[in-house]
């Protein structure tokens, strides 16, 4: 019998409007030592299956039919205490969002040791040693210091590595990994996937890998299952499914994967039956709110210049300066962005990419160096009154669309907030018209303003974030991992939307991402960062075909190569 066997699983969510079937008659298995990839668009039911296996479905969701077996024993239907004995020790779960799966009130050491003690009878000293070893395994530098820190002191990628360490702490037989590499750069992604693969091969551990990254699926998995709207449409050996897909939806999904070998003018979209279609954005922008910008000054230099920026964070404070410890987030970083250009920043998690973005936006004050916007040195502005006009012209689209919006505010008020703050309209009626136009422009429709963020998918929430960022009519849009939490179909829609908006509005963009194929498709020039230092800046095609710095060469070499069906033959 297989390590994991799911038979005819049916998952339902009852509501006052009827019963929604999230997963319908699904059967699959995972063998010992095998990695099964589960792919599909957002809402396909991938994560729901993983949650159902370990009995963590959100109410009122419940298993309405089917059975789940682990190593020959039925685990579906176990009571709460019996299921707690299974979680951690037999099944390790890697959650998608590390901020919601880590307790912000406890240190990483406390959370790791709690899991170790719950699943192993070891002393506190041995638990500490194992926690230290786990952080080493997942590639976190200075683990002795990092153990004492809290989750908010880690970057997004490092938090994900902590979650993976916790999942591995109980030495489980089966690992269910829900988008485990979403927030990770290619080097750490390669390290984590090698770790999971080694566990499967050397310790006979099985793995169900839920992901939207087809490069990861192609390189790591033995078999792949494709889901569409709660149903399993295709399953088989990875090479067969990705190279010769039988189902029309599988062919369409694979064709939407960003290419890493050449640059395309536009991202192909998933186009299968009722699959989401790309919204049409307005072409004539001249008389639109977004086109009514202030008259620009007579200035011919770069729109943005970052000059010798240094920033460090205190990791250990003390009354005595010599005893203080610091981490260098940016070290003498300098680059220019020309108007209308898309400049990309890539590098490992913790390399300083997002830190630089926050310095540019004025959220962090550098220890040294200057940030110049259209010739004005922003770091020398002493008051909020002086900075406010420039804040209007620089807006951010944050990485996580789930945590970057106030869940208690309706979408209309979320988009209207920057308009009201900067007093850009004369009255509330004009504000309403502007917000409705913005929601139309990003493909959501004006009725979306009446809803709350939780009523939207991840891709739709990211559209709301883009609408909010455009509300002040900015000239520079800072995109910090804007598509990392999105599946390939929604990612294609968002990136095409950004391309359309850039052409219509002559937007300048700073685009931060760990997804190298996306960077190749979107950016004009790219800067490569490592440990707070900018190592290389080059035109995009030059960087991908002839990288100069050894670290850039390493990053390019680690980029997962997708060998499946290509868009041009789909």
Protein backbone atom coordinates (compact mmCIF):
# COMPACT_ATOMS: atom_id res chain seq x y z
CA UNK A 1 0.00 0.00 0.00
CA UNK A 2 1.09 3.61 -0.68
CA UNK A 3 2.39 5.86 2.10
CA UNK A 4 -0.53 8.24 1.47
CA UNK A 5 -3.74 7.20 -0.23
CA UNK A 6 -6.66 9.54 -0.85
CA UNK A 7 -9.82 7.85 -2.11
CA UNK A 8 -12.82 9.68 -3.62
CA UNK A 9 -12.34 12.76 -1.44
CA UNK A 10 -15.19 15.29 -1.43
CA UNK A 11 -14.97 18.58 0.47
CA UNK A 12 -17.95 20.91 0.91
CA UNK A 13 -18.53 24.40 2.29
CA UNK A 14 -22.20 24.97 3.19
CA UNK A 15 -23.58 28.52 3.21
CA UNK A 16 -26.93 30.26 3.11
CA UNK A 17 -26.67 30.30 -0.70
CA UNK A 18 -26.23 26.52 -0.89
CA UNK A 19 -23.37 24.05 -0.73
CA UNK A 20 -20.10 24.84 -2.49
CA UNK A 21 -18.10 21.77 -3.50
CA UNK A 22 -14.41 22.70 -3.20
CA UNK A 23 -13.05 19.24 -4.06
CA UNK A 24 -15.03 16.58 -5.89
CA UNK A 25 -14.25 12.84 -6.05
CA UNK A 26 -10.47 13.22 -5.88
CA UNK A 27 -8.20 10.17 -5.66
CA UNK A 28 -4.40 10.21 -5.56
CA UNK A 29 -1.49 8.52 -3.80
CA UNK A 30 2.06 9.30 -2.66
CA UNK A 31 4.69 6.54 -2.40
CA UNK A 32 7.60 6.45 0.03
CA UNK A 33 10.56 8.35 -1.40
CA UNK A 34 8.33 10.03 -4.00
CA UNK A 35 7.54 13.71 -4.62
CA UNK A 36 4.08 14.30 -6.06
CA UNK A 37 3.48 17.79 -7.46
CA UNK A 38 -0.04 19.24 -7.28
CA UNK A 39 -0.63 22.18 -9.63
CA UNK A 40 -3.53 24.33 -10.76
CA UNK A 41 -4.83 27.87 -10.60
CA UNK A 42 -5.79 29.71 -7.43
CA UNK A 43 -9.07 28.26 -6.21
CA UNK A 44 -8.49 24.86 -7.82
CA UNK A 45 -8.57 23.14 -4.42
CA UNK A 46 -4.85 22.26 -4.08
CA UNK A 47 -4.34 23.66 -0.58
CA UNK A 48 -7.79 22.46 0.49
CA UNK A 49 -6.75 18.85 -0.16
CA UNK A 50 -3.62 19.29 1.99
CA UNK A 51 -5.62 20.86 4.82
CA UNK A 52 -8.21 18.09 4.66
CA UNK A 53 -5.57 15.37 4.97
CA UNK A 54 -4.40 16.76 8.34
CA UNK A 55 -7.90 17.83 9.42
CA UNK A 56 -7.26 21.58 9.37
CA UNK A 57 -10.10 22.72 7.13
CA UNK A 58 -11.48 26.15 8.00
CA UNK A 59 -15.10 25.99 9.24
CA UNK A 60 -17.68 25.43 7.89
CA UNK A 61 -15.66 23.32 5.45
CA UNK A 62 -15.79 19.58 6.06
CA UNK A 63 -15.01 16.27 4.40
CA UNK A 64 -18.34 15.11 2.97
CA UNK A 65 -17.07 11.86 1.52
CA UNK A 66 -14.02 9.71 0.84
CA UNK A 67 -11.19 8.31 2.93
CA UNK A 68 -7.55 9.13 3.69
CA UNK A 69 -5.01 6.43 4.61
CA UNK A 70 -1.48 6.95 5.94
CA UNK A 71 0.81 3.93 5.77
CA UNK A 72 -2.21 1.62 5.63
CA UNK A 73 -4.08 3.16 8.56
CA UNK A 74 -7.18 5.33 8.07
CA UNK A 75 -6.63 8.84 9.48
CA UNK A 76 -9.80 10.46 8.16
CA UNK A 77 -12.36 10.58 10.95
CA UNK A 78 -9.86 10.59 13.83
CA UNK A 79 -10.80 12.76 16.82
CA UNK A 80 -8.83 15.88 17.74
CA UNK A 81 -6.39 14.25 20.16
CA UNK A 82 -5.67 11.32 17.84
CA UNK A 83 -5.03 13.72 14.94
CA UNK A 84 -2.61 15.76 17.05
CA UNK A 85 -0.53 12.59 17.44
CA UNK A 86 -0.33 12.35 13.64
CA UNK A 87 0.57 15.97 12.93
CA UNK A 88 4.25 16.77 13.33
CA UNK A 89 5.46 13.27 14.14
CA UNK A 90 4.02 11.51 11.05
CA UNK A 91 2.94 14.36 8.78
CA UNK A 92 4.88 17.62 8.57
CA UNK A 93 3.08 20.59 7.03
CA UNK A 94 4.80 23.58 5.43
CA UNK A 95 2.29 26.44 5.24
CA UNK A 96 2.22 29.00 2.46
CA UNK A 97 2.20 32.21 4.52
CA UNK A 98 4.93 32.20 7.19
CA UNK A 99 3.57 35.31 8.92
CA UNK A 100 0.32 33.55 9.82
CA UNK A 101 1.96 30.26 10.82
CA UNK A 102 4.57 31.76 13.17
CA UNK A 103 3.69 33.23 16.57
CA UNK A 104 4.94 36.85 16.69
CA UNK A 105 5.16 36.77 20.52
CA UNK A 106 7.72 33.94 20.71
CA UNK A 107 11.31 33.67 19.53
CA UNK A 108 12.26 31.25 16.78
CA UNK A 109 14.07 29.13 19.39
CA UNK A 110 10.93 28.81 21.52
CA UNK A 111 8.80 27.80 18.55
CA UNK A 112 11.29 25.25 17.24
CA UNK A 113 11.90 23.71 20.68
CA UNK A 114 8.15 23.52 21.36
CA UNK A 115 7.70 21.39 18.21
CA UNK A 116 10.72 19.22 19.03
CA UNK A 117 9.54 18.56 22.61
CA UNK A 118 6.01 17.76 21.35
CA UNK A 119 7.30 15.04 19.03
CA UNK A 120 10.49 13.77 20.68
CA UNK A 121 11.50 12.85 24.22
CA UNK A 122 14.72 14.86 24.44
CA UNK A 123 16.34 17.18 26.98
CA UNK A 124 16.16 20.94 26.61
CA UNK A 125 19.85 21.03 25.65
CA UNK A 126 19.35 18.39 22.93
CA UNK A 127 16.29 20.29 21.67
CA UNK A 128 18.44 23.43 21.38
CA UNK A 129 21.11 21.53 19.44
CA UNK A 130 18.49 20.13 17.07
CA UNK A 131 16.96 23.59 16.57
CA UNK A 132 20.43 24.91 15.72
CA UNK A 133 21.00 22.05 13.29
CA UNK A 134 17.62 22.63 11.59
CA UNK A 135 18.38 26.33 10.98
CA UNK A 136 21.72 25.26 9.47
CA UNK A 137 19.98 22.75 7.23
CA UNK A 138 17.61 25.35 5.80
CA UNK A 139 20.44 27.81 5.19
CA UNK A 140 19.90 30.54 7.78
CA UNK A 141 23.21 32.32 8.54
CA UNK A 142 24.36 32.96 12.12
CA UNK A 143 21.83 30.47 13.58
CA UNK A 144 23.01 31.05 17.18
CA UNK A 145 21.96 34.71 16.95
CA UNK A 146 18.90 34.09 14.80
CA UNK A 147 17.41 31.61 17.26
CA UNK A 148 17.02 34.44 19.79
CA UNK A 149 15.12 36.67 17.37
CA UNK A 150 11.40 37.06 16.65
CA UNK A 151 9.68 36.40 13.30
CA UNK A 152 9.32 40.10 12.47
CA UNK A 153 13.12 40.41 12.51
CA UNK A 154 13.41 38.02 9.55
CA UNK A 155 12.89 38.70 5.84
CA UNK A 156 10.01 36.94 4.06
CA UNK A 157 12.28 34.25 2.65
CA UNK A 158 13.96 33.62 5.99
CA UNK A 159 10.58 33.29 7.72
CA UNK A 160 9.67 30.64 5.18
CA UNK A 161 12.87 28.76 5.98
CA UNK A 162 11.95 28.83 9.69
CA UNK A 163 8.53 27.34 8.84
CA UNK A 164 10.26 24.59 6.86
CA UNK A 165 12.60 23.89 9.80
CA UNK A 166 9.58 23.54 12.14
CA UNK A 167 7.91 21.13 9.69
CA UNK A 168 11.04 18.96 9.63
CA UNK A 169 11.56 19.07 13.41
CA UNK A 170 9.51 15.95 14.19
CA UNK A 171 11.15 13.79 11.48
CA UNK A 172 7.81 13.04 9.74
CA UNK A 173 7.13 10.23 7.24
CA UNK A 174 5.14 12.52 4.94
CA UNK A 175 5.67 16.20 4.16
CA UNK A 176 2.82 18.28 2.74
CA UNK A 177 4.43 21.42 1.35
CA UNK A 178 1.97 24.19 0.39
CA UNK A 179 3.89 26.59 -1.86
CA UNK A 180 7.12 26.15 0.16
CA UNK A 181 9.29 28.22 -2.20
CA UNK A 182 6.88 31.09 -2.93
CA UNK A 183 8.93 33.70 -1.03
CA UNK A 184 12.36 32.23 -1.79
CA UNK A 185 14.99 33.29 -4.31
CA UNK A 186 16.49 30.76 -6.71
CA UNK A 187 19.55 29.91 -4.60
CA UNK A 188 17.61 29.25 -1.39
CA UNK A 189 14.83 27.59 -3.40
CA UNK A 190 17.43 25.23 -4.85
CA UNK A 191 18.78 24.55 -1.34
CA UNK A 192 15.33 23.86 0.15
CA UNK A 193 14.24 21.64 -2.73
CA UNK A 194 17.50 19.69 -2.50
CA UNK A 195 16.82 19.27 1.23
CA UNK A 196 13.31 17.92 0.57
CA UNK A 197 14.59 15.68 -2.22
CA UNK A 198 17.39 14.30 0.00
CA UNK A 199 14.86 13.57 2.77
CA UNK A 200 12.73 11.65 0.30
CA UNK A 201 15.64 9.68 -1.15
CA UNK A 202 17.73 9.01 1.97
CA UNK A 203 15.02 8.65 4.62
CA UNK A 204 12.24 7.25 2.41
CA UNK A 205 10.01 10.24 3.17
CA UNK A 206 7.07 11.01 0.87
CA UNK A 207 6.18 14.54 -0.19
CA UNK A 208 3.08 16.20 -1.62
CA UNK A 209 4.31 19.46 -3.13
CA UNK A 210 1.60 22.05 -3.84
CA UNK A 211 3.04 24.77 -6.07
CA UNK A 212 2.35 27.10 -8.98
CA UNK A 213 6.02 27.12 -10.07
CA UNK A 214 6.25 24.87 -13.12
CA UNK A 215 10.05 25.07 -13.10
CA UNK A 216 10.06 23.52 -9.63
CA UNK A 217 7.57 20.86 -10.74
CA UNK A 218 9.66 20.04 -13.79
CA UNK A 219 12.96 19.74 -11.89
CA UNK A 220 11.90 18.12 -8.61
CA UNK A 221 8.74 16.03 -8.82
CA UNK A 222 8.39 12.38 -9.89
CA UNK A 223 4.70 12.65 -10.73
CA UNK A 224 2.34 15.58 -11.13
CA UNK A 225 -1.41 15.99 -10.56
CA UNK A 226 -3.29 18.82 -12.29
CA UNK A 227 -6.42 20.23 -10.63
CA UNK A 228 -9.10 22.49 -12.09
CA UNK A 229 -12.05 23.76 -10.04
CA UNK A 230 -11.87 21.02 -7.44
CA UNK A 231 -11.39 18.12 -9.83
CA UNK A 232 -8.34 16.12 -10.84
CA UNK A 233 -8.10 16.51 -14.63
CA UNK A 234 -4.76 14.78 -15.22
CA UNK A 235 -2.13 12.81 -13.28
CA UNK A 236 0.98 10.97 -14.36
CA UNK A 237 4.77 11.00 -14.63
CA UNK A 238 6.11 14.56 -14.66
CA UNK A 239 7.89 14.29 -18.03
CA UNK A 240 4.77 12.86 -19.64
CA UNK A 241 2.28 15.38 -18.21
CA UNK A 242 4.45 18.45 -18.83
CA UNK A 243 5.92 17.31 -22.13
CA UNK A 244 2.84 15.68 -23.69
CA UNK A 245 -0.22 16.91 -21.75
CA UNK A 246 -3.46 15.21 -22.71
CA UNK A 247 -5.99 17.61 -21.16
CA UNK A 248 -6.72 20.98 -22.79
CA UNK A 249 -6.52 22.79 -19.44
CA UNK A 250 -3.06 21.36 -18.72
CA UNK A 251 -1.82 22.58 -22.12
CA UNK A 252 -3.26 26.04 -21.48
CA UNK A 253 -1.78 26.26 -17.97
CA UNK A 254 1.70 25.24 -19.11
CA UNK A 255 1.67 27.76 -21.95
CA UNK A 256 1.23 30.63 -19.42
CA UNK A 257 4.56 29.90 -17.67
CA UNK A 258 7.03 32.82 -18.13
CA UNK A 259 9.81 31.80 -20.48
CA UNK A 260 13.40 31.90 -19.26
CA UNK A 261 15.06 31.46 -22.66
CA UNK A 262 13.72 34.44 -24.66
CA UNK A 263 11.86 37.69 -23.99
CA UNK A 264 8.24 37.99 -25.18
CA UNK A 265 6.23 41.17 -25.74
CA UNK A 266 3.30 39.75 -23.81
CA UNK A 267 2.55 36.95 -21.37
CA UNK A 268 0.36 34.13 -22.75
CA UNK A 269 -2.84 33.64 -20.76
CA UNK A 270 -4.71 30.58 -19.55
CA UNK A 271 -7.66 30.28 -21.91
CA UNK A 272 -9.71 27.19 -21.10
CA UNK A 273 -13.53 27.13 -21.06
CA UNK A 274 -14.42 29.49 -18.19
CA UNK A 275 -10.87 30.17 -17.00
CA UNK A 276 -10.24 33.81 -16.07
CA UNK A 277 -9.72 36.08 -19.06
CA UNK A 278 -7.45 39.09 -19.14
CA UNK A 279 -9.37 42.32 -18.51
CA UNK A 280 -9.21 44.96 -21.17
CA UNK A 281 -7.63 48.16 -19.92
CA UNK A 282 -8.50 51.52 -21.36
CA UNK A 283 -6.28 52.64 -24.25
CA UNK A 284 -7.10 56.36 -24.37
CA UNK A 285 -5.79 57.77 -21.11
CA UNK A 286 -5.48 61.43 -22.08
CA UNK A 287 -8.69 62.57 -20.40
CA UNK A 288 -8.56 60.05 -17.58
CA UNK A 289 -7.69 60.91 -13.97
CA UNK A 290 -4.44 59.00 -14.33
CA UNK A 291 -3.32 61.12 -17.27
CA UNK A 292 -3.81 64.46 -15.49
CA UNK A 293 -0.35 64.84 -14.00
CA UNK A 294 1.33 67.96 -12.85
CA UNK A 295 3.58 69.78 -15.32
CA UNK A 296 7.11 68.37 -15.06
CA UNK A 297 10.12 70.57 -14.40
CA UNK A 298 12.81 71.11 -17.02
CA UNK A 299 15.04 68.26 -15.94
CA UNK A 300 16.89 65.81 -18.18
CA UNK A 301 18.72 63.52 -15.73
CA UNK A 302 17.60 60.20 -14.21
CA UNK A 303 14.18 60.28 -12.58
CA UNK A 304 15.65 58.46 -9.55
CA UNK A 305 19.23 58.23 -8.30
CA UNK A 306 20.40 56.10 -5.39
CA UNK A 307 23.87 57.24 -4.33
CA UNK A 308 26.11 55.34 -1.88
CA UNK A 309 23.23 54.32 0.40
CA UNK A 310 24.24 52.57 3.63
CA UNK A 311 21.80 51.17 6.18
CA UNK A 312 22.31 48.82 9.10
CA UNK A 313 19.94 47.34 11.68
CA UNK A 314 20.75 46.60 15.31
CA UNK A 315 20.52 42.87 16.11
CA UNK A 316 21.86 43.13 19.67
CA UNK A 317 21.53 46.35 21.66
CA UNK A 318 23.68 47.42 24.56
CA UNK A 319 24.52 50.49 26.63
CA UNK A 320 28.10 50.00 25.49
CA UNK A 321 28.66 50.72 21.76
CA UNK A 322 31.38 48.06 21.44
CA UNK A 323 28.94 45.36 22.53
CA UNK A 324 26.28 46.26 20.00
CA UNK A 325 25.83 43.97 17.01
CA UNK A 326 24.51 45.00 13.60
CA UNK A 327 23.44 43.48 10.30
CA UNK A 328 24.31 45.47 7.19
CA UNK A 329 21.19 45.75 5.04
CA UNK A 330 22.71 47.93 2.31
CA UNK A 331 26.35 48.70 1.71
CA UNK A 332 27.27 51.65 -0.52
CA UNK A 333 24.47 50.95 -3.03
CA UNK A 334 24.27 53.20 -6.12
CA UNK A 335 22.14 53.06 -9.29
CA UNK A 336 20.00 55.29 -11.54
CA UNK A 337 16.55 54.74 -13.03
CA UNK A 338 15.62 56.69 -16.15
CA UNK A 339 12.07 57.93 -16.74
CA UNK A 340 9.87 55.30 -18.39
CA UNK A 341 12.32 52.50 -17.57
CA UNK A 342 11.68 49.30 -15.63
CA UNK A 343 14.66 48.59 -13.40
CA UNK A 344 14.84 45.17 -11.74
CA UNK A 345 16.53 44.13 -8.49
CA UNK A 346 17.33 40.47 -7.86
CA UNK A 347 19.26 38.61 -5.18
CA UNK A 348 18.88 36.18 -2.31
CA UNK A 349 16.39 36.64 0.49
CA UNK A 350 17.95 39.10 2.93
CA UNK A 351 20.22 40.63 0.26
CA UNK A 352 18.72 44.09 0.82
CA UNK A 353 16.35 44.41 -2.16
CA UNK A 354 13.25 45.34 -0.17
CA UNK A 355 15.33 47.48 2.19
CA UNK A 356 16.45 49.66 -0.74
CA UNK A 357 12.83 49.95 -1.90
CA UNK A 358 11.80 51.17 1.55
CA UNK A 359 14.65 53.66 1.65
CA UNK A 360 13.52 55.06 -1.70
CA UNK A 361 9.92 55.28 -0.48
CA UNK A 362 11.04 57.08 2.68
CA UNK A 363 10.00 54.28 5.05
CA UNK A 364 13.62 53.84 6.19
CA UNK A 365 16.16 56.61 6.75
CA UNK A 366 19.65 55.57 5.56
CA UNK A 367 22.70 55.92 7.81
CA UNK A 368 24.59 57.45 4.88
CA UNK A 369 24.03 58.25 1.21
CA UNK A 370 21.41 60.08 -0.85
CA UNK A 371 18.20 59.32 -2.72
CA UNK A 372 17.51 61.88 -5.44
CA UNK A 373 14.16 62.19 -7.23
CA UNK A 374 14.23 64.38 -10.34
CA UNK A 375 17.26 66.22 -8.96
CA UNK A 376 15.85 66.79 -5.45
CA UNK A 377 17.73 65.11 -2.58
CA UNK A 378 14.98 63.41 -0.57
CA UNK A 379 17.25 62.41 2.33
CA UNK A 380 17.87 66.08 3.13
CA UNK A 381 14.19 66.96 3.46
CA UNK A 382 13.64 67.61 7.14
CA UNK A 383 9.86 67.75 7.52
CA UNK A 384 6.86 65.68 6.49
CA UNK A 385 5.43 68.73 4.76
CA UNK A 386 8.47 68.82 2.44
CA UNK A 387 8.36 65.06 1.79
CA UNK A 388 4.64 64.75 1.10
CA UNK A 389 4.67 65.93 -2.57
CA UNK A 390 7.32 63.32 -3.35
CA UNK A 391 5.44 60.57 -1.50
CA UNK A 392 2.59 61.24 -3.91
CA UNK A 393 4.86 60.63 -6.89
CA UNK A 394 6.32 57.34 -5.52
CA UNK A 395 3.96 54.53 -4.59
CA UNK A 396 4.50 50.87 -3.62
CA UNK A 397 2.81 47.61 -4.53
CA UNK A 398 3.71 45.29 -1.66
CA UNK A 399 4.57 41.60 -1.80
CA UNK A 400 1.68 40.18 0.18
CA UNK A 401 -1.82 41.21 -1.01
CA UNK A 402 -3.30 39.49 2.07
CA UNK A 403 -1.60 41.69 4.68
CA UNK A 404 -1.13 44.99 2.83
CA UNK A 405 -4.79 46.04 3.15
CA UNK A 406 -6.94 46.81 6.18
CA UNK A 407 -9.46 43.94 6.41
CA UNK A 408 -11.99 46.21 8.15
CA UNK A 409 -12.16 48.70 5.27
CA UNK A 410 -14.17 48.27 2.10
CA UNK A 411 -12.24 48.30 -1.15
CA UNK A 412 -13.65 51.71 -2.07
CA UNK A 413 -12.19 53.29 1.07
CA UNK A 414 -8.87 51.46 0.64
CA UNK A 415 -8.40 52.98 -2.84
CA UNK A 416 -9.83 56.36 -1.79
CA UNK A 417 -7.57 56.71 1.26
CA UNK A 418 -4.48 58.15 -0.55
CA UNK A 419 -6.73 60.48 -2.58
CA UNK A 420 -8.30 61.86 0.60
CA UNK A 421 -4.97 62.02 2.42
CA UNK A 422 -3.32 64.10 -0.29
CA UNK A 423 -6.55 66.09 -0.94
CA UNK A 424 -6.44 65.40 -4.67
CA UNK A 425 -10.17 65.89 -5.31
CA UNK A 426 -12.50 68.78 -4.60
CA UNK A 427 -15.36 66.77 -3.10
CA UNK A 428 -16.49 63.25 -2.22
CA UNK A 429 -18.48 62.90 -5.44
CA UNK A 430 -15.33 63.41 -7.48
CA UNK A 431 -13.48 60.95 -5.22
CA UNK A 432 -16.13 58.32 -5.90
CA UNK A 433 -15.84 58.83 -9.64
CA UNK A 434 -12.03 58.53 -9.52
CA UNK A 435 -12.09 55.34 -7.41
CA UNK A 436 -14.69 53.71 -9.66
CA UNK A 437 -12.62 54.60 -12.74
CA UNK A 438 -9.50 53.13 -11.14
CA UNK A 439 -11.28 49.87 -10.28
CA UNK A 440 -12.55 49.66 -13.85
CA UNK A 441 -9.06 50.37 -15.15
CA UNK A 442 -7.43 47.44 -13.30
CA UNK A 443 -10.16 45.08 -14.48
CA UNK A 444 -12.19 44.66 -11.28
CA UNK A 445 -15.25 46.78 -12.02
CA UNK A 446 -16.71 49.52 -9.84
CA UNK A 447 -18.96 47.16 -7.88
CA UNK A 448 -15.80 45.72 -6.31
CA UNK A 449 -15.66 48.86 -4.15
CA UNK A 450 -18.62 47.62 -2.12
CA UNK A 451 -16.81 44.49 -0.90
CA UNK A 452 -14.11 43.73 1.68
CA UNK A 453 -10.62 42.35 0.85
CA UNK A 454 -11.40 38.83 2.15
CA UNK A 455 -14.03 38.47 -0.58
CA UNK A 456 -11.36 38.49 -3.31
CA UNK A 457 -8.73 36.04 -4.53
CA UNK A 458 -5.01 36.78 -4.22
CA UNK A 459 -4.79 38.06 -7.79
CA UNK A 460 -7.80 40.32 -7.35
CA UNK A 461 -6.36 41.73 -4.12
CA UNK A 462 -3.14 42.54 -5.93
CA UNK A 463 -5.20 44.46 -8.51
CA UNK A 464 -6.72 46.44 -5.63
CA UNK A 465 -3.18 47.20 -4.41
CA UNK A 466 -2.24 48.44 -7.88
CA UNK A 467 -5.36 50.63 -8.04
CA UNK A 468 -4.49 52.13 -4.64
CA UNK A 469 -0.89 52.76 -5.74
CA UNK A 470 -2.10 54.53 -8.92
CA UNK A 471 -4.58 56.71 -7.02
CA UNK A 472 -2.04 59.50 -6.41
CA UNK A 473 -1.00 59.55 -10.10
CA UNK A 474 2.58 58.49 -9.31
CA UNK A 475 5.53 58.70 -11.68
CA UNK A 476 7.48 55.91 -9.97
CA UNK A 477 5.86 52.59 -9.05
CA UNK A 478 7.87 50.40 -6.65
CA UNK A 479 6.79 46.77 -7.06
CA UNK A 480 8.13 44.56 -4.26
CA UNK A 481 7.56 40.93 -5.30
CA UNK A 482 4.10 41.79 -6.69
CA UNK A 483 3.43 38.34 -8.17
CA UNK A 484 5.22 35.96 -5.77
CA UNK A 485 1.97 34.81 -4.13
CA UNK A 486 0.12 34.33 -7.43
CA UNK A 487 -0.29 31.32 -9.71
CA UNK A 488 1.00 31.52 -13.29
CA UNK A 489 -2.36 32.41 -14.87
CA UNK A 490 -3.08 35.33 -12.53
CA UNK A 491 0.60 36.35 -12.65
CA UNK A 492 0.33 36.67 -16.44
CA UNK A 493 -2.73 38.92 -16.08
CA UNK A 494 -1.08 41.16 -13.46
CA UNK A 495 2.17 41.52 -15.40
CA UNK A 496 0.32 42.31 -18.63
CA UNK A 497 -1.70 44.89 -16.70
CA UNK A 498 1.49 46.53 -15.39
CA UNK A 499 2.93 46.58 -18.92
CA UNK A 500 -0.25 48.22 -20.25
CA UNK A 501 -0.27 50.83 -17.48
CA UNK A 502 3.40 51.62 -18.02
CA UNK A 503 2.86 52.23 -21.73
CA UNK A 504 -0.29 54.30 -21.18
CA UNK A 505 1.05 56.41 -18.30
CA UNK A 506 4.78 56.43 -19.10
CA UNK A 507 5.31 54.96 -15.64
CA UNK A 508 8.77 54.31 -14.26
CA UNK A 509 9.05 51.07 -12.29
CA UNK A 510 11.41 49.54 -9.76
CA UNK A 511 10.59 45.82 -9.98
CA UNK A 512 11.89 43.56 -7.20
CA UNK A 513 11.56 39.82 -7.64
CA UNK A 514 13.30 36.52 -7.01
CA UNK A 515 11.59 35.03 -10.07
CA UNK A 516 14.25 35.35 -12.77
CA UNK A 517 12.03 34.41 -15.76
CA UNK A 518 9.61 37.19 -14.71
CA UNK A 519 12.50 39.66 -14.37
CA UNK A 520 13.67 38.76 -17.89
CA UNK A 521 10.21 39.40 -19.34
CA UNK A 522 9.50 42.66 -17.49
CA UNK A 523 12.71 44.66 -16.97
CA UNK A 524 14.92 46.83 -19.18
CA UNK A 525 17.95 46.72 -16.85
CA UNK A 526 18.70 44.59 -13.79
CA UNK A 527 20.81 45.04 -10.67
CA UNK A 528 22.09 42.01 -8.75
CA UNK A 529 22.43 42.27 -4.95
CA UNK A 530 24.13 40.04 -2.38
CA UNK A 531 24.48 40.70 1.35
CA UNK A 532 23.53 44.37 0.98
CA UNK A 533 25.97 45.06 -1.88
CA UNK A 534 25.06 45.82 -5.49
CA UNK A 535 27.38 43.56 -7.48
CA UNK A 536 26.37 44.21 -11.07
CA UNK A 537 24.02 46.34 -13.19
CA UNK A 538 23.42 45.35 -16.81
CA UNK A 539 20.80 45.38 -19.57
CA UNK A 540 18.45 42.46 -19.02
CA UNK A 541 19.41 40.35 -22.03
CA UNK A 542 23.11 40.89 -21.36
CA UNK A 543 22.71 39.76 -17.76
CA UNK A 544 20.89 36.57 -18.74
CA UNK A 545 23.20 35.65 -21.63
CA UNK A 546 26.59 37.00 -20.45
CA UNK A 547 26.57 37.70 -16.68
CA UNK A 548 29.87 39.20 -15.49
CA UNK A 549 29.94 38.63 -11.74
CA UNK A 550 30.40 35.03 -10.45
CA UNK A 551 27.37 35.43 -8.17
CA UNK A 552 25.21 36.53 -11.13
CA UNK A 553 26.45 33.51 -13.06
CA UNK A 554 25.50 31.29 -10.11
CA UNK A 555 21.98 32.77 -9.90
CA UNK A 556 21.38 32.28 -13.62
CA UNK A 557 22.67 28.71 -13.46
CA UNK A 558 20.32 27.86 -10.57
CA UNK A 559 17.24 29.18 -12.40
CA UNK A 560 14.84 26.23 -12.81
CA UNK A 561 14.60 25.28 -16.47
CA UNK A 562 11.08 24.48 -17.51
CA UNK A 563 11.21 21.73 -20.11
CA UNK A 564 7.50 21.27 -20.67
CA UNK A 565 5.20 22.31 -23.49
CA UNK A 566 6.00 25.78 -24.80
CA UNK A 567 3.52 28.54 -25.58
CA UNK A 568 4.48 28.56 -29.27
CA UNK A 569 3.38 24.94 -29.73
CA UNK A 570 0.47 24.93 -27.25
